[in-house]
Each structure stands twice: as C-alpha cells, then as structure tokens.
PDB file of all heavy atoms in Angstrom:
ATOM      1  N   THR A   1     272.879 151.411  72.978  1.00  0.00           N
ATOM      2  CA  THR A   1     273.777 150.509  72.218  1.00  0.00           C
ATOM      3  C   THR A   1     273.040 149.874  71.045  1.00  0.00           C
ATOM      4  O   THR A   1     271.813 149.894  71.001  1.00  0.00           O
ATOM      5  CB  THR A   1     274.377 149.346  73.054  1.00  0.00           C
ATOM      6  OG1 THR A   1     273.271 148.557  73.551  1.00  0.00           O
ATOM      7  CG2 THR A   1     275.165 149.864  74.227  1.00  0.00           C
ATOM      8  N   VAL A   2     273.814 149.377  70.097  1.00  0.00           N
ATOM      9  CA  VAL A   2     273.242 148.481  69.079  1.00  0.00           C
ATOM     10  C   VAL A   2     273.718 147.112  69.318  1.00  0.00           C
ATOM     11  O   VAL A   2     274.927 146.848  69.522  1.00  0.00           O
ATOM     12  CB  VAL A   2     273.677 148.968  67.660  1.00  0.00           C
ATOM     13  CG1 VAL A   2     273.240 147.958  66.602  1.00  0.00           C
ATOM     14  CG2 VAL A   2     273.115 150.367  67.370  1.00  0.00           C
ATOM     15  N   VAL A   3     272.804 146.128  69.373  1.00  0.00           N
ATOM     16  CA  VAL A   3     273.157 144.729  69.660  1.00  0.00           C
ATOM     17  C   VAL A   3     272.779 143.921  68.431  1.00  0.00           C
ATOM     18  O   VAL A   3     271.713 144.053  67.825  1.00  0.00           O
ATOM     19  CB  VAL A   3     272.367 144.229  70.907  1.00  0.00           C
ATOM     20  CG1 VAL A   3     272.763 142.795  71.199  1.00  0.00           C
ATOM     21  CG2 VAL A   3     272.637 145.108  72.104  1.00  0.00           C
ATOM     22  N   ALA A   4     273.677 143.006  68.082  1.00  0.00           N
ATOM     23  CA  ALA A   4     273.425 142.136  66.910  1.00  0.00           C
ATOM     24  C   ALA A   4     273.401 140.687  67.398  1.00  0.00           C
ATOM     25  O   ALA A   4     274.233 140.239  68.206  1.00  0.00           O
ATOM     26  CB  ALA A   4     274.518 142.308  65.850  1.00  0.00           C
ATOM     27  N   TYR A   5     272.436 139.931  66.887  1.00  0.00           N
ATOM     28  CA  TYR A   5     272.262 138.521  67.224  1.00  0.00           C
ATOM     29  C   TYR A   5     272.348 137.660  65.938  1.00  0.00           C
ATOM     30  O   TYR A   5     271.883 138.101  64.886  1.00  0.00           O
ATOM     31  CB  TYR A   5     270.905 138.266  67.852  1.00  0.00           C
ATOM     32  CG  TYR A   5     270.678 138.991  69.173  1.00  0.00           C
ATOM     33  CD1 TYR A   5     270.100 140.250  69.161  1.00  0.00           C
ATOM     34  CD2 TYR A   5     270.963 138.369  70.371  1.00  0.00           C
ATOM     35  CE1 TYR A   5     269.932 140.896  70.358  1.00  0.00           C
ATOM     36  CE2 TYR A   5     270.707 139.007  71.582  1.00  0.00           C
ATOM     37  CZ  TYR A   5     270.170 140.324  71.568  1.00  0.00           C
ATOM     38  OH  TYR A   5     269.963 140.937  72.745  1.00  0.00           O
ATOM     39  N   ARG A   6     273.018 136.528  66.058  1.00  0.00           N
ATOM     40  CA  ARG A   6     273.045 135.602  64.931  1.00  0.00           C
ATOM     41  C   ARG A   6     271.931 134.548  65.138  1.00  0.00           C
ATOM     42  O   ARG A   6     271.685 134.094  66.267  1.00  0.00           O
ATOM     43  CB  ARG A   6     274.402 134.900  64.831  1.00  0.00           C
ATOM     44  CG  ARG A   6     274.772 134.032  65.957  1.00  0.00           C
ATOM     45  CD  ARG A   6     276.092 133.250  65.670  1.00  0.00           C
ATOM     46  NE  ARG A   6     277.198 134.166  65.688  1.00  0.00           N
ATOM     47  CZ  ARG A   6     277.919 134.493  66.741  1.00  0.00           C
ATOM     48  NH1 ARG A   6     277.559 134.038  67.989  1.00  0.00           N
ATOM     49  NH2 ARG A   6     278.963 135.269  66.670  1.00  0.00           N
ATOM     50  N   LEU A   7     271.238 134.241  64.053  1.00  0.00           N
ATOM     51  CA  LEU A   7     270.190 133.206  64.075  1.00  0.00           C
ATOM     52  C   LEU A   7     270.834 131.860  63.791  1.00  0.00           C
ATOM     53  O   LEU A   7     271.441 131.681  62.753  1.00  0.00           O
ATOM     54  CB  LEU A   7     269.072 133.566  63.008  1.00  0.00           C
ATOM     55  CG  LEU A   7     267.878 132.633  63.009  1.00  0.00           C
ATOM     56  CD1 LEU A   7     267.122 132.789  64.294  1.00  0.00           C
ATOM     57  CD2 LEU A   7     266.986 133.065  61.800  1.00  0.00           C
ATOM     58  N   ALA A   8     270.689 130.965  64.727  1.00  0.00           N
ATOM     59  CA  ALA A   8     271.402 129.697  64.606  1.00  0.00           C
ATOM     60  C   ALA A   8     270.480 128.527  64.960  1.00  0.00           C
ATOM     61  O   ALA A   8     269.580 128.672  65.764  1.00  0.00           O
ATOM     62  CB  ALA A   8     272.636 129.703  65.547  1.00  0.00           C
ATOM     63  N   ASP A   9     270.734 127.389  64.312  1.00  0.00           N
ATOM     64  CA  ASP A   9     270.062 126.133  64.712  1.00  0.00           C
ATOM     65  C   ASP A   9     270.626 125.711  66.065  1.00  0.00           C
ATOM     66  O   ASP A   9     271.834 125.679  66.275  1.00  0.00           O
ATOM     67  CB  ASP A   9     270.325 125.057  63.671  1.00  0.00           C
ATOM     68  CG  ASP A   9     269.651 125.455  62.330  1.00  0.00           C
ATOM     69  OD1 ASP A   9     268.439 125.634  62.306  1.00  0.00           O
ATOM     70  OD2 ASP A   9     270.385 125.509  61.311  1.00  0.00           O
ATOM     71  N   GLU A  10     269.723 125.311  66.912  1.00  0.00           N
ATOM     72  CA  GLU A  10     270.133 124.848  68.244  1.00  0.00           C
ATOM     73  C   GLU A  10     269.224 123.685  68.661  1.00  0.00           C
ATOM     74  O   GLU A  10     268.084 123.907  68.996  1.00  0.00           O
ATOM     75  CB  GLU A  10     270.029 125.985  69.281  1.00  0.00           C
ATOM     76  CG  GLU A  10     270.683 125.693  70.597  1.00  0.00           C
ATOM     77  CD  GLU A  10     270.754 126.913  71.488  1.00  0.00           C
ATOM     78  OE1 GLU A  10     271.727 127.749  71.298  1.00  0.00           O
ATOM     79  OE2 GLU A  10     269.905 127.059  72.355  1.00  0.00           O
ATOM     80  N   GLY A  11     269.767 122.484  68.558  1.00  0.00           N
ATOM     81  CA  GLY A  11     268.964 121.291  68.829  1.00  0.00           C
ATOM     82  C   GLY A  11     267.889 121.211  67.757  1.00  0.00           C
ATOM     83  O   GLY A  11     268.165 121.463  66.553  1.00  0.00           O
ATOM     84  N   PRO A  12     266.638 120.951  68.144  1.00  0.00           N
ATOM     85  CA  PRO A  12     265.604 120.830  67.119  1.00  0.00           C
ATOM     86  C   PRO A  12     264.999 122.217  66.749  1.00  0.00           C
ATOM     87  O   PRO A  12     264.165 122.301  65.877  1.00  0.00           O
ATOM     88  CB  PRO A  12     264.523 120.023  67.878  1.00  0.00           C
ATOM     89  CG  PRO A  12     264.724 120.354  69.274  1.00  0.00           C
ATOM     90  CD  PRO A  12     266.217 120.548  69.484  1.00  0.00           C
ATOM     91  N   GLY A  13     265.477 123.289  67.447  1.00  0.00           N
ATOM     92  CA  GLY A  13     264.870 124.584  67.206  1.00  0.00           C
ATOM     93  C   GLY A  13     265.903 125.610  66.751  1.00  0.00           C
ATOM     94  O   GLY A  13     266.922 125.271  66.165  1.00  0.00           O
ATOM     95  N   LEU A  14     265.544 126.884  67.073  1.00  0.00           N
ATOM     96  CA  LEU A  14     266.385 127.989  66.654  1.00  0.00           C
ATOM     97  C   LEU A  14     266.799 128.786  67.919  1.00  0.00           C
ATOM     98  O   LEU A  14     266.116 128.717  68.957  1.00  0.00           O
ATOM     99  CB  LEU A  14     265.706 128.918  65.651  1.00  0.00           C
ATOM    100  CG  LEU A  14     265.368 128.349  64.314  1.00  0.00           C
ATOM    101  CD1 LEU A  14     264.520 129.374  63.569  1.00  0.00           C
ATOM    102  CD2 LEU A  14     266.636 128.041  63.524  1.00  0.00           C
ATOM    103  N   ALA A  15     267.836 129.580  67.799  1.00  0.00           N
ATOM    104  CA  ALA A  15     268.283 130.423  68.889  1.00  0.00           C
ATOM    105  C   ALA A  15     268.802 131.723  68.296  1.00  0.00           C
ATOM    106  O   ALA A  15     269.331 131.761  67.189  1.00  0.00           O
ATOM    107  CB  ALA A  15     269.328 129.789  69.753  1.00  0.00           C
ATOM    108  N   LEU A  16     268.620 132.822  69.073  1.00  0.00           N
ATOM    109  CA  LEU A  16     269.254 134.086  68.702  1.00  0.00           C
ATOM    110  C   LEU A  16     270.448 134.256  69.661  1.00  0.00           C
ATOM    111  O   LEU A  16     270.267 134.509  70.871  1.00  0.00           O
ATOM    112  CB  LEU A  16     268.283 135.217  68.857  1.00  0.00           C
ATOM    113  CG  LEU A  16     267.217 135.375  67.779  1.00  0.00           C
ATOM    114  CD1 LEU A  16     266.092 136.306  68.193  1.00  0.00           C
ATOM    115  CD2 LEU A  16     267.834 135.861  66.445  1.00  0.00           C
ATOM    116  N   GLN A  17     271.633 134.098  69.128  1.00  0.00           N
ATOM    117  CA  GLN A  17     272.875 134.168  69.904  1.00  0.00           C
ATOM    118  C   GLN A  17     273.477 135.551  69.787  1.00  0.00           C
ATOM    119  O   GLN A  17     273.712 136.019  68.699  1.00  0.00           O
ATOM    120  CB  GLN A  17     273.852 133.117  69.462  1.00  0.00           C
ATOM    121  CG  GLN A  17     273.271 131.694  69.520  1.00  0.00           C
ATOM    122  CD  GLN A  17     274.181 130.662  68.842  1.00  0.00           C
ATOM    123  OE1 GLN A  17     275.044 131.041  68.000  1.00  0.00           O
ATOM    124  NE2 GLN A  17     273.980 129.413  69.077  1.00  0.00           N
ATOM    125  N   LYS A  18     273.748 136.205  70.923  1.00  0.00           N
ATOM    126  CA  LYS A  18     274.350 137.534  70.888  1.00  0.00           C
ATOM    127  C   LYS A  18     275.716 137.474  70.217  1.00  0.00           C
ATOM    128  O   LYS A  18     276.576 136.702  70.614  1.00  0.00           O
ATOM    129  CB  LYS A  18     274.483 138.138  72.241  1.00  0.00           C
ATOM    130  CG  LYS A  18     274.962 139.596  72.197  1.00  0.00           C
ATOM    131  CD  LYS A  18     275.078 140.208  73.634  1.00  0.00           C
ATOM    132  CE  LYS A  18     273.713 140.495  74.203  1.00  0.00           C
ATOM    133  NZ  LYS A  18     273.841 141.298  75.475  1.00  0.00           N
ATOM    134  N   GLY A  19     275.903 138.268  69.187  1.00  0.00           N
ATOM    135  CA  GLY A  19     277.169 138.264  68.466  1.00  0.00           C
ATOM    136  C   GLY A  19     278.128 139.382  68.860  1.00  0.00           C
ATOM    137  O   GLY A  19     279.281 139.187  69.153  1.00  0.00           O
ATOM    138  N   TRP A  20     277.537 140.583  68.939  1.00  0.00           N
ATOM    139  CA  TRP A  20     278.350 141.722  69.407  1.00  0.00           C
ATOM    140  C   TRP A  20     277.462 142.878  69.836  1.00  0.00           C
ATOM    141  O   TRP A  20     276.268 142.925  69.544  1.00  0.00           O
ATOM    142  CB  TRP A  20     279.300 142.216  68.277  1.00  0.00           C
ATOM    143  CG  TRP A  20     278.705 142.566  67.013  1.00  0.00           C
ATOM    144  CD1 TRP A  20     278.567 141.747  65.911  1.00  0.00           C
ATOM    145  CD2 TRP A  20     278.032 143.813  66.623  1.00  0.00           C
ATOM    146  NE1 TRP A  20     277.913 142.404  64.844  1.00  0.00           N
ATOM    147  CE2 TRP A  20     277.583 143.651  65.312  1.00  0.00           C
ATOM    148  CE3 TRP A  20     277.808 145.035  67.271  1.00  0.00           C
ATOM    149  CZ2 TRP A  20     276.928 144.656  64.604  1.00  0.00           C
ATOM    150  CZ3 TRP A  20     277.162 146.019  66.600  1.00  0.00           C
ATOM    151  CH2 TRP A  20     276.715 145.820  65.261  1.00  0.00           C
ATOM    152  N   THR A  21     278.086 143.766  70.598  1.00  0.00           N
ATOM    153  CA  THR A  21     277.401 144.950  71.105  1.00  0.00           C
ATOM    154  C   THR A  21     278.263 146.164  70.835  1.00  0.00           C
ATOM    155  O   THR A  21     279.495 146.118  71.024  1.00  0.00           O
ATOM    156  CB  THR A  21     277.155 144.878  72.639  1.00  0.00           C
ATOM    157  OG1 THR A  21     276.402 143.707  72.893  1.00  0.00           O
ATOM    158  CG2 THR A  21     276.432 146.103  73.153  1.00  0.00           C
ATOM    159  N   SER A  22     277.669 147.207  70.305  1.00  0.00           N
ATOM    160  CA  SER A  22     278.442 148.460  69.992  1.00  0.00           C
ATOM    161  C   SER A  22     278.924 149.156  71.261  1.00  0.00           C
ATOM    162  O   SER A  22     278.463 148.825  72.366  1.00  0.00           O
ATOM    163  CB  SER A  22     277.607 149.384  69.147  1.00  0.00           C
ATOM    164  OG  SER A  22     276.599 150.026  69.963  1.00  0.00           O
ATOM    165  N   ARG A  23     279.769 150.101  71.081  1.00  0.00           N
ATOM    166  CA  ARG A  23     280.152 150.964  72.200  1.00  0.00           C
ATOM    167  C   ARG A  23     278.979 151.808  72.588  1.00  0.00           C
ATOM    168  O   ARG A  23     277.903 151.813  71.896  1.00  0.00           O
ATOM    169  CB  ARG A  23     281.276 151.908  71.797  1.00  0.00           C
ATOM    170  CG  ARG A  23     280.920 152.857  70.663  1.00  0.00           C
ATOM    171  CD  ARG A  23     282.122 153.787  70.401  1.00  0.00           C
ATOM    172  NE  ARG A  23     281.875 154.711  69.309  1.00  0.00           N
ATOM    173  CZ  ARG A  23     281.147 155.805  69.334  1.00  0.00           C
ATOM    174  NH1 ARG A  23     280.588 156.149  70.493  1.00  0.00           N
ATOM    175  NH2 ARG A  23     280.998 156.572  68.301  1.00  0.00           N
ATOM    176  N   ALA A  24     279.018 152.522  73.728  1.00  0.00           N
ATOM    177  CA  ALA A  24     277.908 153.329  74.189  1.00  0.00           C
ATOM    178  C   ALA A  24     277.589 154.416  73.163  1.00  0.00           C
ATOM    179  O   ALA A  24     278.469 155.106  72.631  1.00  0.00           O
ATOM    180  CB  ALA A  24     278.263 153.965  75.534  1.00  0.00           C
ATOM    181  N   LEU A  25     276.316 154.554  72.871  1.00  0.00           N
ATOM    182  CA  LEU A  25     275.854 155.527  71.836  1.00  0.00           C
ATOM    183  C   LEU A  25     274.731 156.363  72.533  1.00  0.00           C
ATOM    184  O   LEU A  25     274.052 155.925  73.470  1.00  0.00           O
ATOM    185  CB  LEU A  25     275.305 154.840  70.640  1.00  0.00           C
ATOM    186  CG  LEU A  25     276.263 153.937  69.902  1.00  0.00           C
ATOM    187  CD1 LEU A  25     275.539 153.114  68.862  1.00  0.00           C
ATOM    188  CD2 LEU A  25     277.379 154.786  69.237  1.00  0.00           C
ATOM    189  N   VAL A  26     274.556 157.575  72.037  1.00  0.00           N
ATOM    190  CA  VAL A  26     273.510 158.493  72.502  1.00  0.00           C
ATOM    191  C   VAL A  26     272.200 158.227  71.751  1.00  0.00           C
ATOM    192  O   VAL A  26     272.111 158.574  70.612  1.00  0.00           O
ATOM    193  CB  VAL A  26     273.927 159.936  72.436  1.00  0.00           C
ATOM    194  CG1 VAL A  26     272.759 160.813  72.969  1.00  0.00           C
ATOM    195  CG2 VAL A  26     275.193 160.194  73.222  1.00  0.00           C
ATOM    196  N   ALA A  27     271.253 157.566  72.433  1.00  0.00           N
ATOM    197  CA  ALA A  27     269.938 157.346  71.864  1.00  0.00           C
ATOM    198  C   ALA A  27     269.954 156.906  70.424  1.00  0.00           C
ATOM    199  O   ALA A  27     269.398 157.521  69.536  1.00  0.00           O
ATOM    200  CB  ALA A  27     269.084 158.636  71.978  1.00  0.00           C
ATOM    201  N   PRO A  28     270.546 155.753  70.150  1.00  0.00           N
ATOM    202  CA  PRO A  28     270.591 155.250  68.752  1.00  0.00           C
ATOM    203  C   PRO A  28     269.215 154.840  68.244  1.00  0.00           C
ATOM    204  O   PRO A  28     268.363 154.369  69.030  1.00  0.00           O
ATOM    205  CB  PRO A  28     271.511 154.014  68.846  1.00  0.00           C
ATOM    206  CG  PRO A  28     271.340 153.559  70.208  1.00  0.00           C
ATOM    207  CD  PRO A  28     271.180 154.737  71.079  1.00  0.00           C
ATOM    208  N   LEU A  29     269.035 154.995  66.951  1.00  0.00           N
ATOM    209  CA  LEU A  29     267.765 154.598  66.301  1.00  0.00           C
ATOM    210  C   LEU A  29     268.080 153.299  65.526  1.00  0.00           C
ATOM    211  O   LEU A  29     269.139 152.696  65.613  1.00  0.00           O
ATOM    212  CB  LEU A  29     267.259 155.710  65.424  1.00  0.00           C
ATOM    213  CG  LEU A  29     266.969 156.993  66.098  1.00  0.00           C
ATOM    214  CD1 LEU A  29     266.505 158.047  65.137  1.00  0.00           C
ATOM    215  CD2 LEU A  29     265.887 156.844  67.205  1.00  0.00           C
ATOM    216  N   THR A  30     267.065 152.850  64.716  1.00  0.00           N
ATOM    217  CA  THR A  30     267.226 151.636  63.946  1.00  0.00           C
ATOM    218  C   THR A  30     268.442 151.698  63.057  1.00  0.00           C
ATOM    219  O   THR A  30     268.622 152.646  62.285  1.00  0.00           O
ATOM    220  CB  THR A  30     266.002 151.432  63.095  1.00  0.00           C
ATOM    221  OG1 THR A  30     264.842 151.375  63.910  1.00  0.00           O
ATOM    222  CG2 THR A  30     266.113 150.075  62.365  1.00  0.00           C
ATOM    223  N   PRO A  31     269.437 150.758  63.231  1.00  0.00           N
ATOM    224  CA  PRO A  31     270.637 150.822  62.403  1.00  0.00           C
ATOM    225  C   PRO A  31     270.340 150.548  60.941  1.00  0.00           C
ATOM    226  O   PRO A  31     269.375 149.911  60.569  1.00  0.00           O
ATOM    227  CB  PRO A  31     271.537 149.749  62.994  1.00  0.00           C
ATOM    228  CG  PRO A  31     270.562 148.791  63.642  1.00  0.00           C
ATOM    229  CD  PRO A  31     269.403 149.597  64.110  1.00  0.00           C
TER     230      PRO A  31
END
C-alpha cells in the first residue's frame, strides 16, 4: 500500500497523523 501522513502540531511537539491509505497494490515503489 501507499500510506500518507499529515504533519501536525500536537501539544508542544509534532505528530505524523495517518491521513489515508491506498487500496492494495502489488509491490509499490516510492510514489
């Protein structure tokens, strides 16, 4: 799959929040 995360401020720090995941793919490479 390809997974995308949004970079967000969370409290005093940062977080990578999962935004979406693609459908099943056969051995995907760097999007």
